[in-house]
Amino acid sequence: MGLTDLGAALLRTLDPEAAHQLAIKALQFTPLPTPGADDPVLHTRLAGLDLPNPVGLAAGLDKNGEALHGLARLGFGFVECGSVTPLAQPGNPKPRLFRLSEDRAIINRMGFNNAGLEAFAGRLADRPKTAVIGANLGANKDTEDKAADYVKGLIRLKGLADYVTVNVSSPNTPGLRALQGRAALDDLLGRLAAARGDDPTPVFLKIAPDLTADEIGMIVEASLDHGLDALIVSNTTLDRPESLRSADRGEAGGLSGAPLRARALDALRAAADASAGKLPLIAVGGIDSGAEAWARIRAGAAAIQVYSALIYEGPGLISRIKRELAERLRAEGFSAVSEAVGTGR
């Protein structure tokens, strides 16, 4: 067990939110070595971005962009920070983060707690320049015109992030998921397209797993109509599988981790069927091994993201996924990740 994995094991003995805060501090101030070059077979392109590997960090770990230099040294192909809202907000009352250890899962109802757009933009201005950094946008809880909050974020962060993700799928902000309906989505995406203008920065949309195949098909159609660059599939679920065993399984909030795996894969397959290769897909939800990353790529994902599995596996998970994925690609006769995308559909 490496030092970073040992640290992760020690953090699991603490209150989940306290552990989260300590992890961010450690990533800010611990001098981590520069990772070695990735296996060339892992190099890929996503929405015009050159990635050293297809294994990304999902939003939620570094909400305020405080630990980007440390995160960039863990071996990710890309790092997504946020969600950030225009105004700082405290989020929901504590406790709001629950570790379901028996289920290898997390429930959170954080509620977009963050220091606000100005502080976030200041940190992005000092971001590591050699890493691919994405910014995940949210809307303030009390904002009536939530689309306007996303427009503010897009405009303020222009030139600061390599891509921007529009997060309309968090279950912890009232009314947010309603933006996934066609009329609301057309309004939101139309306003974002107008604000974006000729800015080449890719814009992604992150959707919920709690959608039907028809609903996902509609979102894919809207995304293509409005020129989005990729879809992230998917966020946390409000579902509570009967298989959950942990004492906190009944807590309100979004469920992530291993129990989300099947639902997230189904959502990915629906998106892949609807997009037919016209819209790059990023898979997230229950990915905890190279085999699972490979399954998502074969199902149509151009790249994957992890988060909850890091809590249980530690940062060593990143190198393990990359190693296993490279071995699988070569064993199947592929010379690049892009060649394998969608081959299992």
Protein backbone atom coordinates (compact mmCIF):
# COMPACT_ATOMS: atom_id res chain seq x y z
CA MET A 1 0.00 0.00 0.00
CA GLY A 2 1.43 3.37 -1.07
CA LEU A 3 1.49 6.41 1.19
CA THR A 4 -1.45 8.02 -0.58
CA ASP A 5 -3.50 4.83 -0.24
CA LEU A 6 -2.53 4.56 3.44
CA GLY A 7 -3.69 8.13 3.93
CA ALA A 8 -7.00 7.28 2.27
CA ALA A 9 -7.43 4.33 4.63
CA LEU A 10 -6.84 6.58 7.65
CA LEU A 11 -9.34 9.14 6.33
CA ARG A 12 -12.00 6.43 6.22
CA THR A 13 -11.85 6.26 10.02
CA LEU A 14 -13.04 9.87 10.29
CA ASP A 15 -16.41 11.54 9.82
CA PRO A 16 -17.01 11.59 6.05
CA GLU A 17 -17.14 15.37 5.62
CA ALA A 18 -14.19 15.96 7.93
CA ALA A 19 -12.25 13.35 5.94
CA HIS A 20 -13.19 15.12 2.72
CA GLN A 21 -11.87 18.44 4.00
CA LEU A 22 -8.64 16.85 5.23
CA ALA A 23 -8.13 15.16 1.86
CA ILE A 24 -8.37 18.51 0.11
CA LYS A 25 -5.85 20.03 2.52
CA ALA A 26 -3.48 17.11 2.02
CA LEU A 27 -3.70 17.46 -1.75
CA GLN A 28 -3.01 21.19 -1.41
CA PHE A 29 0.09 20.92 0.73
CA THR A 30 1.62 17.46 0.31
CA PRO A 31 4.46 17.48 -2.27
CA LEU A 32 3.51 14.72 -4.69
CA PRO A 33 5.88 13.43 -7.37
CA THR A 34 5.18 14.11 -11.02
CA PRO A 35 3.56 10.98 -12.48
CA GLY A 36 5.36 9.11 -15.22
CA ALA A 37 4.21 9.20 -18.81
CA ASP A 38 1.12 7.14 -19.58
CA ASP A 39 1.15 4.10 -21.83
CA PRO A 40 0.72 5.46 -25.39
CA VAL A 41 -2.20 3.09 -25.98
CA LEU A 42 -4.20 5.15 -23.47
CA HIS A 43 -3.77 8.48 -25.25
CA THR A 44 -7.06 9.70 -26.70
CA ARG A 45 -9.03 12.74 -27.81
CA LEU A 46 -12.31 13.89 -26.31
CA ALA A 47 -14.27 16.78 -27.84
CA GLY A 48 -11.04 18.15 -29.28
CA LEU A 49 -9.09 17.75 -26.03
CA ASP A 50 -5.90 15.71 -26.00
CA LEU A 51 -5.95 13.37 -23.00
CA PRO A 52 -2.94 11.34 -21.81
CA ASN A 53 -5.44 8.71 -20.65
CA PRO A 54 -9.25 8.39 -20.51
CA VAL A 55 -9.53 8.18 -16.70
CA GLY A 56 -10.90 11.40 -15.24
CA LEU A 57 -11.93 12.70 -11.83
CA ALA A 58 -15.63 13.47 -11.51
CA ALA A 59 -16.81 16.75 -10.02
CA GLY A 60 -17.57 16.94 -6.31
CA LEU A 61 -14.22 16.15 -4.72
CA ASP A 62 -12.66 19.57 -5.24
CA LYS A 63 -15.67 21.87 -5.22
CA ASN A 64 -13.67 25.09 -5.00
CA GLY A 65 -10.69 24.26 -7.21
CA GLU A 66 -8.38 24.35 -4.18
CA ALA A 67 -6.30 21.23 -4.83
CA LEU A 68 -5.85 21.18 -8.59
CA HIS A 69 -2.05 21.02 -8.46
CA GLY A 70 -2.17 17.97 -6.20
CA LEU A 71 -4.95 16.27 -8.14
CA ALA A 72 -3.05 16.82 -11.39
CA ARG A 73 -0.21 14.70 -9.97
CA LEU A 74 -2.35 11.63 -9.21
CA GLY A 75 -2.34 10.38 -12.81
CA PHE A 76 -5.74 11.43 -14.06
CA GLY A 77 -6.23 12.13 -17.74
CA PHE A 78 -8.47 15.06 -16.81
CA VAL A 79 -9.75 16.63 -13.60
CA GLU A 80 -13.18 18.21 -13.13
CA CYS A 81 -13.69 20.63 -10.24
CA GLY A 82 -16.88 22.16 -8.85
CA SER A 83 -19.84 22.33 -8.79
CA VAL A 84 -19.60 26.10 -8.49
CA THR A 85 -22.53 28.52 -8.21
CA PRO A 86 -22.44 32.26 -8.91
CA LEU A 87 -22.87 33.15 -5.23
CA ALA A 88 -21.23 31.37 -2.32
CA GLN A 89 -23.63 29.18 -0.38
CA PRO A 90 -23.29 26.90 2.67
CA GLY A 91 -25.23 23.97 1.26
CA ASN A 92 -27.61 21.78 3.21
CA PRO A 93 -27.50 21.25 6.99
CA LYS A 94 -25.06 18.68 8.37
CA PRO A 95 -24.80 15.72 8.48
CA ARG A 96 -25.07 15.55 4.70
CA LEU A 97 -22.45 13.00 3.63
CA PHE A 98 -22.71 9.31 4.49
CA ARG A 99 -20.29 6.47 3.86
CA LEU A 100 -22.07 3.17 3.13
CA SER A 101 -19.03 0.96 3.63
CA GLU A 102 -20.78 -2.41 3.34
CA ASP A 103 -22.11 -1.34 -0.03
CA ARG A 104 -19.01 0.50 -1.30
CA ALA A 105 -21.27 3.51 -1.75
CA ILE A 106 -21.80 7.13 -0.72
CA ILE A 107 -24.97 9.13 -0.09
CA ASN A 108 -24.63 12.89 -0.25
CA ARG A 109 -27.02 15.78 0.04
CA MET A 110 -24.36 18.48 0.12
CA GLY A 111 -26.44 21.01 -1.82
CA PHE A 112 -23.76 22.72 -3.91
CA ASN A 113 -21.81 24.06 -0.92
CA ASN A 114 -19.04 26.23 -2.39
CA ALA A 115 -17.22 29.54 -2.06
CA GLY A 116 -18.76 31.06 -5.17
CA LEU A 117 -17.73 31.92 -8.70
CA GLU A 118 -15.22 34.70 -7.98
CA ALA A 119 -13.11 32.62 -5.59
CA PHE A 120 -13.32 29.67 -7.99
CA ALA A 121 -12.23 31.77 -10.97
CA GLY A 122 -9.27 33.09 -9.00
CA ARG A 123 -8.04 29.58 -8.29
CA LEU A 124 -8.53 28.48 -11.88
CA ALA A 125 -6.33 31.38 -12.96
CA ASP A 126 -3.53 29.63 -11.01
CA ARG A 127 -4.34 26.13 -12.24
CA PRO A 128 -1.71 23.65 -13.45
CA LYS A 129 -1.20 24.44 -17.11
CA THR A 130 -0.14 20.98 -18.23
CA ALA A 131 -3.29 19.19 -16.97
CA VAL A 132 -6.73 19.10 -18.59
CA ILE A 133 -9.04 20.85 -16.11
CA GLY A 134 -12.81 21.03 -16.36
CA ALA A 135 -15.21 23.26 -14.42
CA ASN A 136 -18.62 21.99 -13.33
CA LEU A 137 -21.35 24.65 -13.14
CA GLY A 138 -24.35 24.65 -10.82
CA ALA A 139 -27.14 27.05 -9.88
CA ASN A 140 -27.80 28.72 -6.55
CA LYS A 141 -30.59 27.20 -4.50
CA ASP A 142 -32.57 30.46 -4.22
CA THR A 143 -32.18 31.57 -7.84
CA GLU A 144 -35.51 31.58 -9.68
CA ASP A 145 -33.96 31.79 -13.15
CA LYS A 146 -31.51 28.93 -12.82
CA ALA A 147 -30.51 29.08 -16.49
CA ALA A 148 -29.14 32.57 -15.84
CA ASP A 149 -26.76 31.15 -13.22
CA TYR A 150 -25.25 28.76 -15.76
CA VAL A 151 -24.80 31.61 -18.21
CA LYS A 152 -23.01 33.65 -15.53
CA GLY A 153 -20.68 30.75 -14.83
CA LEU A 154 -19.91 30.17 -18.49
CA ILE A 155 -19.10 33.84 -19.08
CA ARG A 156 -17.00 34.28 -15.94
CA LEU A 157 -14.87 31.19 -16.53
CA LYS A 158 -14.13 31.91 -20.18
CA GLY A 159 -10.50 31.06 -20.90
CA LEU A 160 -9.89 29.56 -17.44
CA ALA A 161 -10.96 25.92 -17.92
CA ASP A 162 -10.31 23.44 -20.72
CA TYR A 163 -13.99 22.49 -20.73
CA VAL A 164 -17.15 23.42 -18.84
CA THR A 165 -19.83 21.00 -17.61
CA VAL A 166 -23.43 22.11 -17.13
CA ASN A 167 -24.74 20.13 -14.17
CA VAL A 168 -28.54 19.93 -14.36
CA SER A 169 -28.72 16.56 -12.62
CA SER A 170 -27.84 17.02 -8.96
CA PRO A 171 -30.78 15.79 -6.86
CA ASN A 172 -29.90 18.11 -3.97
CA THR A 173 -30.99 21.49 -5.38
CA PRO A 174 -34.78 21.89 -5.64
CA GLY A 175 -36.01 22.28 -9.22
CA LEU A 176 -32.64 21.58 -10.83
CA ARG A 177 -33.50 18.28 -12.48
CA ALA A 178 -36.56 19.91 -14.07
CA LEU A 179 -34.07 21.55 -16.46
CA GLN A 180 -33.75 18.15 -18.15
CA GLY A 181 -37.23 18.57 -19.70
CA ARG A 182 -37.20 19.56 -23.39
CA ALA A 183 -38.66 23.07 -23.11
CA ALA A 184 -36.46 24.03 -20.16
CA LEU A 185 -33.45 22.38 -21.77
CA ASP A 186 -33.96 24.22 -25.05
CA ASP A 187 -34.15 27.50 -23.15
CA LEU A 188 -31.02 26.74 -21.12
CA LEU A 189 -28.93 25.42 -24.00
CA GLY A 190 -30.04 28.20 -26.32
CA ARG A 191 -28.98 30.85 -23.82
CA LEU A 192 -25.67 29.09 -23.24
CA ALA A 193 -25.01 28.89 -26.98
CA ALA A 194 -25.65 32.63 -27.31
CA ALA A 195 -23.33 33.40 -24.38
CA ARG A 196 -20.69 31.03 -25.74
CA GLY A 197 -20.55 32.68 -29.14
CA ASP A 198 -17.42 31.59 -30.99
CA ASP A 199 -15.58 30.48 -27.85
CA PRO A 200 -14.11 27.05 -28.76
CA THR A 201 -14.07 25.79 -25.15
CA PRO A 202 -16.05 22.51 -25.12
CA VAL A 203 -19.31 22.48 -23.17
CA PHE A 204 -20.58 19.22 -21.68
CA LEU A 205 -23.94 18.34 -20.10
CA LYS A 206 -24.21 16.05 -17.06
CA ILE A 207 -27.45 14.10 -16.76
CA ALA A 208 -29.18 11.96 -14.16
CA PRO A 209 -29.34 8.17 -14.27
CA ASP A 210 -33.01 8.28 -13.17
CA LEU A 211 -34.29 8.87 -16.71
CA THR A 212 -36.04 6.64 -19.21
CA ALA A 213 -34.41 5.73 -22.50
CA ASP A 214 -36.85 8.06 -24.26
CA GLU A 215 -35.93 10.95 -21.96
CA ILE A 216 -32.24 10.32 -22.56
CA GLY A 217 -32.90 10.21 -26.29
CA MET A 218 -34.60 13.60 -26.08
CA ILE A 219 -31.63 15.06 -24.16
CA VAL A 220 -29.21 13.71 -26.76
CA GLU A 221 -31.30 15.28 -29.53
CA ALA A 222 -31.38 18.63 -27.72
CA SER A 223 -27.63 18.44 -27.08
CA LEU A 224 -26.93 17.88 -30.75
CA ASP A 225 -29.36 20.61 -31.79
CA HIS A 226 -27.60 23.15 -29.57
CA GLY A 227 -24.03 22.14 -30.40
CA LEU A 228 -22.93 20.61 -27.11
CA ASP A 229 -19.63 18.77 -27.22
CA ALA A 230 -20.22 15.78 -24.93
CA LEU A 231 -22.61 14.20 -22.44
CA ILE A 232 -21.60 12.95 -18.98
CA VAL A 233 -23.62 9.88 -18.01
CA SER A 234 -24.44 10.01 -15.16
CA ASN A 235 -24.88 11.76 -11.81
CA THR A 236 -26.02 10.19 -8.53
CA THR A 237 -29.32 8.34 -8.21
CA LEU A 238 -32.33 8.82 -5.96
CA ASP A 239 -33.02 5.10 -6.24
CA ARG A 240 -32.32 2.83 -3.26
CA PRO A 241 -31.67 -0.73 -4.42
CA GLU A 242 -32.99 -3.42 -2.10
CA SER A 243 -29.48 -4.86 -1.96
CA LEU A 244 -28.22 -1.98 0.23
CA ARG A 245 -27.08 -3.20 3.65
CA SER A 246 -25.49 -0.20 5.38
CA ALA A 247 -27.19 1.47 8.32
CA ASP A 248 -27.38 4.82 6.51
CA ARG A 249 -29.03 3.41 3.39
CA GLY A 250 -32.24 5.34 4.07
CA GLU A 251 -30.63 8.78 4.20
CA ALA A 252 -31.92 11.32 1.69
CA GLY A 253 -29.64 12.45 -1.13
CA GLY A 254 -27.86 11.09 -4.16
CA LEU A 255 -26.44 7.57 -4.06
CA SER A 256 -23.13 6.89 -5.79
CA GLY A 257 -20.63 4.07 -5.88
CA ALA A 258 -21.01 0.37 -6.64
CA PRO A 259 -24.84 0.20 -6.34
CA LEU A 260 -25.14 2.81 -9.12
CA ARG A 261 -23.19 0.68 -11.60
CA ALA A 262 -26.03 -1.10 -13.39
CA ARG A 263 -28.26 1.98 -13.62
CA ALA A 264 -25.41 4.15 -14.92
CA LEU A 265 -24.50 1.52 -17.53
CA ASP A 266 -28.11 1.33 -18.70
CA ALA A 267 -28.21 5.13 -19.05
CA LEU A 268 -24.95 5.06 -20.99
CA ARG A 269 -26.28 2.44 -23.39
CA ALA A 270 -29.43 4.51 -23.96
CA ALA A 271 -27.30 7.58 -24.69
CA ALA A 272 -25.05 5.59 -27.03
CA ASP A 273 -28.05 4.22 -28.92
CA ALA A 274 -29.56 7.70 -29.26
CA SER A 275 -26.35 9.48 -30.24
CA ALA A 276 -25.11 6.84 -32.70
CA GLY A 277 -21.57 8.15 -32.40
CA LYS A 278 -22.50 11.81 -33.04
CA LEU A 279 -21.96 12.95 -29.43
CA PRO A 280 -19.01 11.86 -27.28
CA LEU A 281 -20.05 10.22 -24.00
CA ILE A 282 -18.25 10.20 -20.66
CA ALA A 283 -19.23 7.38 -18.31
CA VAL A 284 -19.37 7.79 -14.54
CA GLY A 285 -21.06 5.83 -11.77
CA GLY A 286 -19.78 2.70 -10.04
CA ILE A 287 -16.51 2.45 -11.98
CA ASP A 288 -13.95 0.82 -9.71
CA SER A 289 -11.69 -1.29 -11.94
CA GLY A 290 -10.12 -1.54 -15.34
CA ALA A 291 -12.69 -4.19 -16.24
CA GLU A 292 -15.54 -1.79 -15.48
CA ALA A 293 -13.84 1.04 -17.36
CA TRP A 294 -13.43 -1.33 -20.30
CA ALA A 295 -17.14 -2.27 -20.14
CA ARG A 296 -18.14 1.41 -20.32
CA ILE A 297 -15.82 2.10 -23.25
CA ARG A 298 -17.21 -0.91 -25.09
CA ALA A 299 -20.72 0.37 -24.33
CA GLY A 300 -19.94 3.68 -26.01
CA ALA A 301 -17.96 5.89 -23.61
CA ALA A 302 -15.01 7.84 -24.99
CA ALA A 303 -13.71 8.40 -21.45
CA ILE A 304 -14.68 7.60 -17.86
CA GLN A 305 -14.69 9.38 -14.51
CA VAL A 306 -14.29 8.07 -10.97
CA TYR A 307 -14.94 9.50 -7.53
CA SER A 308 -16.69 7.30 -4.94
CA ALA A 309 -14.42 4.32 -5.60
CA LEU A 310 -11.44 6.50 -4.66
CA ILE A 311 -12.86 6.75 -1.14
CA TYR A 312 -12.61 2.99 -0.73
CA GLU A 313 -9.68 2.11 -2.98
CA GLY A 314 -7.42 5.14 -2.52
CA PRO A 315 -5.53 7.02 -5.25
CA GLY A 316 -3.77 3.82 -6.32
CA LEU A 317 -7.03 2.97 -8.08
CA ILE A 318 -6.11 5.36 -10.89
CA SER A 319 -2.92 3.56 -11.90
CA ARG A 320 -4.63 0.17 -11.53
CA ILE A 321 -7.45 1.15 -13.87
CA LYS A 322 -4.98 2.51 -16.41
CA ARG A 323 -2.79 -0.58 -16.27
CA GLU A 324 -5.73 -2.97 -16.58
CA LEU A 325 -7.26 -0.93 -19.38
CA ALA A 326 -4.01 -0.85 -21.36
CA GLU A 327 -3.63 -4.61 -20.96
CA ARG A 328 -7.19 -5.19 -22.15
CA LEU A 329 -6.81 -2.91 -25.16
CA ARG A 330 -3.70 -4.73 -26.32
CA ALA A 331 -5.17 -8.16 -25.62
CA GLU A 332 -8.14 -7.30 -27.83
CA GLY A 333 -5.88 -6.00 -30.62
CA PHE A 334 -6.64 -2.28 -30.27
CA SER A 335 -3.91 0.33 -30.65
CA ALA A 336 -5.95 3.21 -29.18
CA VAL A 337 -8.89 3.79 -26.84
CA SER A 338 -10.91 5.38 -29.63
CA GLU A 339 -10.84 2.14 -31.62
CA ALA A 340 -12.65 0.30 -28.82
CA VAL A 341 -15.42 2.84 -28.17
CA GLY A 342 -18.83 1.27 -28.75
CA THR A 343 -17.49 -2.08 -29.96
CA GLY A 344 -19.64 -3.94 -27.44
CA ARG A 345 -22.94 -2.40 -28.53
